[in-house]
Amino acid sequence: MSKKQFVEMQMQGSLAVSGKLLIHYKDLGLKEEELVLILQVQYFIQQGIHFPTPDELSERMTVSVSDCNMLLRRLIQRGILEIQEFDQQDILYEQYSLSPLWEKLYTFLSAPASTNTEKQEENLYPVFEKEFGRPLSPFESETLVIWMDQDHHDPLIIKAALREAVISGKLNFRYIDRILFEWKKNGIKTMEQAMNYSKRFRQNQIRPKHDEQNTGEGYQRKIPFYNWLEK
């Protein structure tokens, strides 16, 4: 095969990549490995393979099969990738659809600049993964979705609860969930209310300890972090 034939072959088998996606994938909360996985899925679909397996995807990437599987689950849980069923000759098949991705990209591009900024600030996955120092597990990703879609917690309030967990040295989802539960029960809906609520609890934890023998040693002030789990 000549160089010219090789180049022509590459041109014929090229993948049309959305320039808008390349520019704004980080604004949608996507990481580079997730973007590459999406492009691989798109290319498989273009070749007529609508439901590539993690093994097939892993062969074209530098991540393991288990990591591919995890990335696929995360994209589905976050509403970026979708599995659809279709009927062909009375047999049900599954296929991947990138429609949710394009819908999110369209919504982002159609929104005013100020709204886009707010959306970037409200993207919780990168924030949590930065604090935890690792990718979120499928269970943790699903918990984030539940907090927003089912419990209707404001993303900024979720960030505030994460901050409380970091300050208290209790960086786990169970602790954060308890904080959000307490705040919702007490009508906490804004960042200012959350900060004031936490401040009051810490102040209430201040307990002067007098010396019962009046030895003149005075007292010590202890200000522990409020333990949300032990309330």
C-alpha atoms as a PDB file:
ATOM      1  CA  MET A   1       0.000   0.000   0.000  1.00  0.00           C
ATOM      2  CA  SER A   2       1.398   3.376  -1.001  1.00  0.00           C
ATOM      3  CA  LYS A   3       1.482   6.446   1.218  1.00  0.00           C
ATOM      4  CA  LYS A   4      -1.211   8.065  -0.938  1.00  0.00           C
ATOM      5  CA  GLN A   5      -3.507   5.060  -0.587  1.00  0.00           C
ATOM      6  CA  PHE A   6      -2.944   4.989   3.165  1.00  0.00           C
ATOM      7  CA  VAL A   7      -3.767   8.694   3.511  1.00  0.00           C
ATOM      8  CA  GLU A   8      -6.907   8.304   1.399  1.00  0.00           C
ATOM      9  CA  MET A   9      -7.986   5.362   3.539  1.00  0.00           C
ATOM     10  CA  GLN A  10      -7.551   7.397   6.710  1.00  0.00           C
ATOM     11  CA  MET A  11      -9.542  10.241   5.234  1.00  0.00           C
ATOM     12  CA  GLN A  12     -12.384   7.922   4.278  1.00  0.00           C
ATOM     13  CA  GLY A  13     -12.490   6.353   7.723  1.00  0.00           C
ATOM     14  CA  SER A  14     -12.187   9.588   9.665  1.00  0.00           C
ATOM     15  CA  LEU A  15     -14.512  10.552  12.484  1.00  0.00           C
ATOM     16  CA  ALA A  16     -16.286  13.903  12.421  1.00  0.00           C
ATOM     17  CA  VAL A  17     -15.698  15.377  15.882  1.00  0.00           C
ATOM     18  CA  SER A  18     -17.809  18.274  17.066  1.00  0.00           C
ATOM     19  CA  GLY A  19     -15.619  21.328  17.537  1.00  0.00           C
ATOM     20  CA  LYS A  20     -18.066  22.622  20.139  1.00  0.00           C
ATOM     21  CA  LEU A  21     -17.628  19.425  22.135  1.00  0.00           C
ATOM     22  CA  LEU A  22     -13.828  19.716  22.031  1.00  0.00           C
ATOM     23  CA  ILE A  23     -14.044  23.311  23.250  1.00  0.00           C
ATOM     24  CA  HIS A  24     -16.678  22.826  25.943  1.00  0.00           C
ATOM     25  CA  TYR A  25     -16.337  19.227  27.164  1.00  0.00           C
ATOM     26  CA  LYS A  26     -14.790  20.440  30.422  1.00  0.00           C
ATOM     27  CA  ASP A  27     -17.760  22.779  30.922  1.00  0.00           C
ATOM     28  CA  LEU A  28     -19.984  19.693  30.799  1.00  0.00           C
ATOM     29  CA  GLY A  29     -17.894  18.111  33.555  1.00  0.00           C
ATOM     30  CA  LEU A  30     -16.154  15.625  31.267  1.00  0.00           C
ATOM     31  CA  LYS A  31     -12.576  14.467  31.710  1.00  0.00           C
ATOM     32  CA  GLU A  32     -10.217  13.588  28.882  1.00  0.00           C
ATOM     33  CA  GLU A  33     -10.614   9.822  29.299  1.00  0.00           C
ATOM     34  CA  GLU A  34     -14.393  10.212  29.269  1.00  0.00           C
ATOM     35  CA  LEU A  35     -14.208  12.317  26.121  1.00  0.00           C
ATOM     36  CA  VAL A  36     -12.051   9.707  24.373  1.00  0.00           C
ATOM     37  CA  LEU A  37     -14.460   6.979  25.430  1.00  0.00           C
ATOM     38  CA  ILE A  38     -17.376   8.969  23.980  1.00  0.00           C
ATOM     39  CA  LEU A  39     -15.490   9.421  20.710  1.00  0.00           C
ATOM     40  CA  GLN A  40     -14.740   5.698  20.592  1.00  0.00           C
ATOM     41  CA  VAL A  41     -18.424   4.883  21.129  1.00  0.00           C
ATOM     42  CA  GLN A  42     -19.326   7.354  18.396  1.00  0.00           C
ATOM     43  CA  TYR A  43     -16.845   5.769  15.997  1.00  0.00           C
ATOM     44  CA  PHE A  44     -18.124   2.263  16.751  1.00  0.00           C
ATOM     45  CA  ILE A  45     -21.663   3.452  16.024  1.00  0.00           C
ATOM     46  CA  GLN A  46     -20.453   5.004  12.776  1.00  0.00           C
ATOM     47  CA  GLN A  47     -19.029   1.597  11.830  1.00  0.00           C
ATOM     48  CA  GLY A  48     -22.383  -0.062  12.508  1.00  0.00           C
ATOM     49  CA  ILE A  49     -21.475  -1.457  15.954  1.00  0.00           C
ATOM     50  CA  HIS A  50     -24.097   0.212  18.142  1.00  0.00           C
ATOM     51  CA  PHE A  51     -23.310  -1.505  21.450  1.00  0.00           C
ATOM     52  CA  PRO A  52     -19.527  -1.989  21.798  1.00  0.00           C
ATOM     53  CA  THR A  53     -18.432  -3.962  24.828  1.00  0.00           C
ATOM     54  CA  PRO A  54     -15.985  -2.676  27.456  1.00  0.00           C
ATOM     55  CA  ASP A  55     -13.463  -5.165  26.062  1.00  0.00           C
ATOM     56  CA  GLU A  56     -13.770  -3.715  22.556  1.00  0.00           C
ATOM     57  CA  LEU A  57     -13.483  -0.164  23.858  1.00  0.00           C
ATOM     58  CA  SER A  58     -10.534  -1.002  26.088  1.00  0.00           C
ATOM     59  CA  GLU A  59      -8.606  -2.437  23.128  1.00  0.00           C
ATOM     60  CA  ARG A  60      -8.620   1.023  21.543  1.00  0.00           C
ATOM     61  CA  MET A  61      -7.734   2.908  24.728  1.00  0.00           C
ATOM     62  CA  THR A  62      -5.101   2.931  27.439  1.00  0.00           C
ATOM     63  CA  VAL A  63      -7.534   2.026  30.221  1.00  0.00           C
ATOM     64  CA  SER A  64      -8.438  -1.426  31.493  1.00  0.00           C
ATOM     65  CA  VAL A  65     -11.685  -3.244  30.790  1.00  0.00           C
ATOM     66  CA  SER A  66     -12.882  -2.649  34.366  1.00  0.00           C
ATOM     67  CA  ASP A  67     -12.080   1.067  34.065  1.00  0.00           C
ATOM     68  CA  CYS A  68     -13.973   1.215  30.757  1.00  0.00           C
ATOM     69  CA  ASN A  69     -16.923  -0.429  32.432  1.00  0.00           C
ATOM     70  CA  MET A  70     -16.764   2.090  35.281  1.00  0.00           C
ATOM     71  CA  LEU A  71     -16.532   5.041  32.875  1.00  0.00           C
ATOM     72  CA  LEU A  72     -19.546   3.805  30.925  1.00  0.00           C
ATOM     73  CA  ARG A  73     -21.600   3.476  34.113  1.00  0.00           C
ATOM     74  CA  ARG A  74     -20.629   6.971  35.219  1.00  0.00           C
ATOM     75  CA  LEU A  75     -21.584   8.502  31.877  1.00  0.00           C
ATOM     76  CA  ILE A  76     -24.950   6.739  31.979  1.00  0.00           C
ATOM     77  CA  GLN A  77     -25.603   7.757  35.598  1.00  0.00           C
ATOM     78  CA  ARG A  78     -24.786  11.358  34.791  1.00  0.00           C
ATOM     79  CA  GLY A  79     -27.183  11.397  31.858  1.00  0.00           C
ATOM     80  CA  ILE A  80     -24.518  11.837  29.177  1.00  0.00           C
ATOM     81  CA  LEU A  81     -24.774   8.412  27.565  1.00  0.00           C
ATOM     82  CA  GLU A  82     -27.945   6.368  27.198  1.00  0.00           C
ATOM     83  CA  ILE A  83     -28.757   2.741  26.467  1.00  0.00           C
ATOM     84  CA  GLN A  84     -31.747   2.296  24.190  1.00  0.00           C
ATOM     85  CA  GLU A  85     -33.605  -0.810  23.101  1.00  0.00           C
ATOM     86  CA  PHE A  86     -34.736  -1.450  19.552  1.00  0.00           C
ATOM     87  CA  ASP A  87     -36.672  -4.261  17.953  1.00  0.00           C
ATOM     88  CA  GLN A  88     -35.363  -5.999  14.863  1.00  0.00           C
ATOM     89  CA  GLN A  89     -37.280  -8.973  13.530  1.00  0.00           C
ATOM     90  CA  ASP A  90     -38.922  -9.511  16.931  1.00  0.00           C
ATOM     91  CA  ILE A  91     -35.541  -9.580  18.681  1.00  0.00           C
ATOM     92  CA  LEU A  92     -34.668  -6.899  21.197  1.00  0.00           C
ATOM     93  CA  TYR A  93     -31.244  -5.306  20.892  1.00  0.00           C
ATOM     94  CA  GLU A  94     -29.488  -2.627  22.909  1.00  0.00           C
ATOM     95  CA  GLN A  95     -27.576   0.319  21.562  1.00  0.00           C
ATOM     96  CA  TYR A  96     -25.780   3.366  22.898  1.00  0.00           C
ATOM     97  CA  SER A  97     -27.194   6.800  22.189  1.00  0.00           C
ATOM     98  CA  LEU A  98     -25.286  10.082  22.461  1.00  0.00           C
ATOM     99  CA  SER A  99     -28.461  12.158  22.246  1.00  0.00           C
ATOM    100  CA  PRO A 100     -28.283  13.155  25.948  1.00  0.00           C
ATOM    101  CA  LEU A 101     -24.764  14.499  25.396  1.00  0.00           C
ATOM    102  CA  TRP A 102     -25.810  16.630  22.448  1.00  0.00           C
ATOM    103  CA  GLU A 103     -28.849  17.878  24.363  1.00  0.00           C
ATOM    104  CA  LYS A 104     -26.645  18.958  27.277  1.00  0.00           C
ATOM    105  CA  LEU A 105     -24.225  20.657  24.901  1.00  0.00           C
ATOM    106  CA  TYR A 106     -27.092  22.474  23.175  1.00  0.00           C
ATOM    107  CA  THR A 107     -28.522  23.630  26.507  1.00  0.00           C
ATOM    108  CA  PHE A 108     -25.122  24.896  27.579  1.00  0.00           C
ATOM    109  CA  LEU A 109     -24.501  26.788  24.341  1.00  0.00           C
ATOM    110  CA  SER A 110     -28.035  28.231  24.292  1.00  0.00           C
ATOM    111  CA  ALA A 111     -27.907  29.575  27.852  1.00  0.00           C
ATOM    112  CA  PRO A 112     -26.752  33.137  28.646  1.00  0.00           C
ATOM    113  CA  ALA A 113     -23.110  33.546  29.617  1.00  0.00           C
ATOM    114  CA  SER A 114     -23.997  34.228  33.263  1.00  0.00           C
ATOM    115  CA  THR A 115     -26.045  31.031  33.430  1.00  0.00           C
ATOM    116  CA  ASN A 116     -23.185  29.042  31.912  1.00  0.00           C
ATOM    117  CA  THR A 117     -20.899  30.317  34.661  1.00  0.00           C
ATOM    118  CA  GLU A 118     -23.369  29.192  37.296  1.00  0.00           C
ATOM    119  CA  LYS A 119     -23.604  25.782  35.664  1.00  0.00           C
ATOM    120  CA  GLN A 120     -19.838  25.399  35.757  1.00  0.00           C
ATOM    121  CA  GLU A 121     -19.856  26.285  39.444  1.00  0.00           C
ATOM    122  CA  GLU A 122     -22.652  23.784  40.075  1.00  0.00           C
ATOM    123  CA  ASN A 123     -20.898  20.880  38.407  1.00  0.00           C
ATOM    124  CA  LEU A 124     -20.315  18.706  41.429  1.00  0.00           C
ATOM    125  CA  TYR A 125     -18.384  15.752  40.046  1.00  0.00           C
ATOM    126  CA  PRO A 126     -15.027  17.497  39.513  1.00  0.00           C
ATOM    127  CA  VAL A 127     -15.355  19.234  42.888  1.00  0.00           C
ATOM    128  CA  PHE A 128     -15.991  15.989  44.767  1.00  0.00           C
ATOM    129  CA  GLU A 129     -13.308  14.076  42.889  1.00  0.00           C
ATOM    130  CA  LYS A 130     -10.784  16.804  43.663  1.00  0.00           C
ATOM    131  CA  GLU A 131     -11.561  16.665  47.389  1.00  0.00           C
ATOM    132  CA  PHE A 132     -11.605  12.860  47.491  1.00  0.00           C
ATOM    133  CA  GLY A 133      -8.464  12.656  45.354  1.00  0.00           C
ATOM    134  CA  ARG A 134      -9.912   9.917  43.159  1.00  0.00           C
ATOM    135  CA  PRO A 135     -12.760   9.195  40.720  1.00  0.00           C
ATOM    136  CA  LEU A 136     -16.120   8.682  42.386  1.00  0.00           C
ATOM    137  CA  SER A 137     -17.469   5.154  42.572  1.00  0.00           C
ATOM    138  CA  PRO A 138     -20.718   4.266  40.771  1.00  0.00           C
ATOM    139  CA  PHE A 139     -22.510   4.319  44.140  1.00  0.00           C
ATOM    140  CA  GLU A 140     -21.138   7.775  44.955  1.00  0.00           C
ATOM    141  CA  SER A 141     -22.057   9.114  41.511  1.00  0.00           C
ATOM    142  CA  GLU A 142     -25.571   7.770  41.938  1.00  0.00           C
ATOM    143  CA  THR A 143     -25.786   9.389  45.384  1.00  0.00           C
ATOM    144  CA  LEU A 144     -24.981  12.783  43.848  1.00  0.00           C
ATOM    145  CA  VAL A 145     -27.786  12.297  41.345  1.00  0.00           C
ATOM    146  CA  ILE A 146     -30.196  11.358  44.146  1.00  0.00           C
ATOM    147  CA  TRP A 147     -29.252  14.443  46.172  1.00  0.00           C
ATOM    148  CA  MET A 148     -30.058  16.689  43.223  1.00  0.00           C
ATOM    149  CA  ASP A 149     -32.915  14.933  41.437  1.00  0.00           C
ATOM    150  CA  GLN A 150     -34.789  13.248  44.282  1.00  0.00           C
ATOM    151  CA  ASP A 151     -33.882  15.246  47.381  1.00  0.00           C
ATOM    152  CA  HIS A 152     -33.747  18.514  45.399  1.00  0.00           C
ATOM    153  CA  HIS A 153     -30.690  19.861  47.220  1.00  0.00           C
ATOM    154  CA  ASP A 154     -29.197  22.966  45.660  1.00  0.00           C
ATOM    155  CA  PRO A 155     -25.741  22.144  44.190  1.00  0.00           C
ATOM    156  CA  LEU A 156     -24.245  25.014  46.188  1.00  0.00           C
ATOM    157  CA  ILE A 157     -25.676  23.537  49.390  1.00  0.00           C
ATOM    158  CA  ILE A 158     -24.157  20.169  48.494  1.00  0.00           C
ATOM    159  CA  LYS A 159     -20.801  21.908  48.063  1.00  0.00           C
ATOM    160  CA  ALA A 160     -21.251  23.546  51.463  1.00  0.00           C
ATOM    161  CA  ALA A 161     -21.935  20.145  53.040  1.00  0.00           C
ATOM    162  CA  LEU A 162     -18.807  18.793  51.367  1.00  0.00           C
ATOM    163  CA  ARG A 163     -16.847  21.687  52.863  1.00  0.00           C
ATOM    164  CA  GLU A 164     -18.219  20.867  56.337  1.00  0.00           C
ATOM    165  CA  ALA A 165     -17.135  17.262  55.925  1.00  0.00           C
ATOM    166  CA  VAL A 166     -13.635  18.357  54.892  1.00  0.00           C
ATOM    167  CA  ILE A 167     -13.336  20.739  57.849  1.00  0.00           C
ATOM    168  CA  SER A 168     -14.572  18.075  60.250  1.00  0.00           C
ATOM    169  CA  GLY A 169     -12.204  15.449  58.860  1.00  0.00           C
ATOM    170  CA  LYS A 170     -15.161  13.189  57.988  1.00  0.00           C
ATOM    171  CA  LEU A 171     -14.792  12.954  54.227  1.00  0.00           C
ATOM    172  CA  ASN A 172     -17.334  10.306  53.313  1.00  0.00           C
ATOM    173  CA  PHE A 173     -20.723  10.288  51.639  1.00  0.00           C
ATOM    174  CA  ARG A 174     -22.586   9.012  54.701  1.00  0.00           C
ATOM    175  CA  TYR A 175     -21.415  11.996  56.725  1.00  0.00           C
ATOM    176  CA  ILE A 176     -22.284  14.461  53.954  1.00  0.00           C
ATOM    177  CA  ASP A 177     -25.708  12.862  53.540  1.00  0.00           C
ATOM    178  CA  ARG A 178     -26.354  13.340  57.279  1.00  0.00           C
ATOM    179  CA  ILE A 179     -25.390  17.009  57.053  1.00  0.00           C
ATOM    180  CA  LEU A 180     -27.761  17.545  54.128  1.00  0.00           C
ATOM    181  CA  PHE A 181     -30.527  15.746  56.032  1.00  0.00           C
ATOM    182  CA  GLU A 182     -30.054  17.989  59.078  1.00  0.00           C
ATOM    183  CA  TRP A 183     -29.973  21.138  56.988  1.00  0.00           C
ATOM    184  CA  LYS A 184     -33.107  20.210  55.065  1.00  0.00           C
ATOM    185  CA  LYS A 185     -34.906  19.362  58.307  1.00  0.00           C
ATOM    186  CA  ASN A 186     -34.006  22.794  59.657  1.00  0.00           C
ATOM    187  CA  GLY A 187     -34.988  24.659  56.510  1.00  0.00           C
ATOM    188  CA  ILE A 188     -31.459  25.486  55.350  1.00  0.00           C
ATOM    189  CA  LYS A 189     -31.655  26.509  51.675  1.00  0.00           C
ATOM    190  CA  THR A 190     -28.857  29.036  51.088  1.00  0.00           C
ATOM    191  CA  MET A 191     -25.102  29.141  51.579  1.00  0.00           C
ATOM    192  CA  GLU A 192     -25.478  31.944  54.131  1.00  0.00           C
ATOM    193  CA  GLN A 193     -27.996  29.946  56.164  1.00  0.00           C
ATOM    194  CA  ALA A 194     -25.736  26.887  56.081  1.00  0.00           C
ATOM    195  CA  MET A 195     -22.714  28.884  57.274  1.00  0.00           C
ATOM    196  CA  ASN A 196     -24.693  30.531  60.071  1.00  0.00           C
ATOM    197  CA  TYR A 197     -26.190  27.204  61.130  1.00  0.00           C
ATOM    198  CA  SER A 198     -22.765  25.575  61.329  1.00  0.00           C
ATOM    199  CA  LYS A 199     -21.355  28.576  63.182  1.00  0.00           C
ATOM    200  CA  ARG A 200     -24.107  28.434  65.795  1.00  0.00           C
ATOM    201  CA  PHE A 201     -23.536  24.733  66.369  1.00  0.00           C
ATOM    202  CA  ARG A 202     -19.821  25.262  66.866  1.00  0.00           C
ATOM    203  CA  GLN A 203     -20.465  28.096  69.274  1.00  0.00           C
ATOM    204  CA  ASN A 204     -22.876  25.912  71.231  1.00  0.00           C
ATOM    205  CA  GLN A 205     -20.121  23.342  71.569  1.00  0.00           C
ATOM    206  CA  ILE A 206     -17.976  25.798  73.559  1.00  0.00           C
ATOM    207  CA  ARG A 207     -18.009  24.656  77.189  1.00  0.00           C
ATOM    208  CA  PRO A 208     -15.904  26.511  79.810  1.00  0.00           C
ATOM    209  CA  LYS A 209     -14.366  24.048  82.215  1.00  0.00           C
ATOM    210  CA  HIS A 210     -13.778  25.578  85.675  1.00  0.00           C
ATOM    211  CA  ASP A 211     -11.428  24.015  88.152  1.00  0.00           C
ATOM    212  CA  GLU A 212     -13.598  22.577  90.914  1.00  0.00           C
ATOM    213  CA  GLN A 213     -10.852  23.117  93.504  1.00  0.00           C
ATOM    214  CA  ASN A 214     -10.432  26.825  92.632  1.00  0.00           C
ATOM    215  CA  THR A 215      -6.718  26.349  92.243  1.00  0.00           C
ATOM    216  CA  GLY A 216      -6.411  29.535  90.221  1.00  0.00           C
ATOM    217  CA  GLU A 217      -5.588  27.674  87.025  1.00  0.00           C
ATOM    218  CA  GLY A 218      -8.554  29.310  85.295  1.00  0.00           C
ATOM    219  CA  TYR A 219     -10.416  27.358  82.645  1.00  0.00           C
ATOM    220  CA  GLN A 220      -9.826  25.903  79.266  1.00  0.00           C
ATOM    221  CA  ARG A 221     -12.008  26.480  76.216  1.00  0.00           C
ATOM    222  CA  LYS A 222     -12.546  23.583  73.905  1.00  0.00           C
ATOM    223  CA  ILE A 223     -14.109  24.098  70.459  1.00  0.00           C
ATOM    224  CA  PRO A 224     -14.583  20.727  68.787  1.00  0.00           C
ATOM    225  CA  PHE A 225     -16.032  20.277  65.329  1.00  0.00           C
ATOM    226  CA  TYR A 226     -19.724  19.531  65.392  1.00  0.00           C
ATOM    227  CA  ASN A 227     -20.296  15.836  64.762  1.00  0.00           C
ATOM    228  CA  TRP A 228     -23.363  15.622  62.545  1.00  0.00           C
ATOM    229  CA  LEU A 229     -23.546  11.861  62.851  1.00  0.00           C
ATOM    230  CA  GLU A 230     -23.739  11.875  66.632  1.00  0.00           C
ATOM    231  CA  LYS A 231     -26.492  14.450  67.019  1.00  0.00           C
END
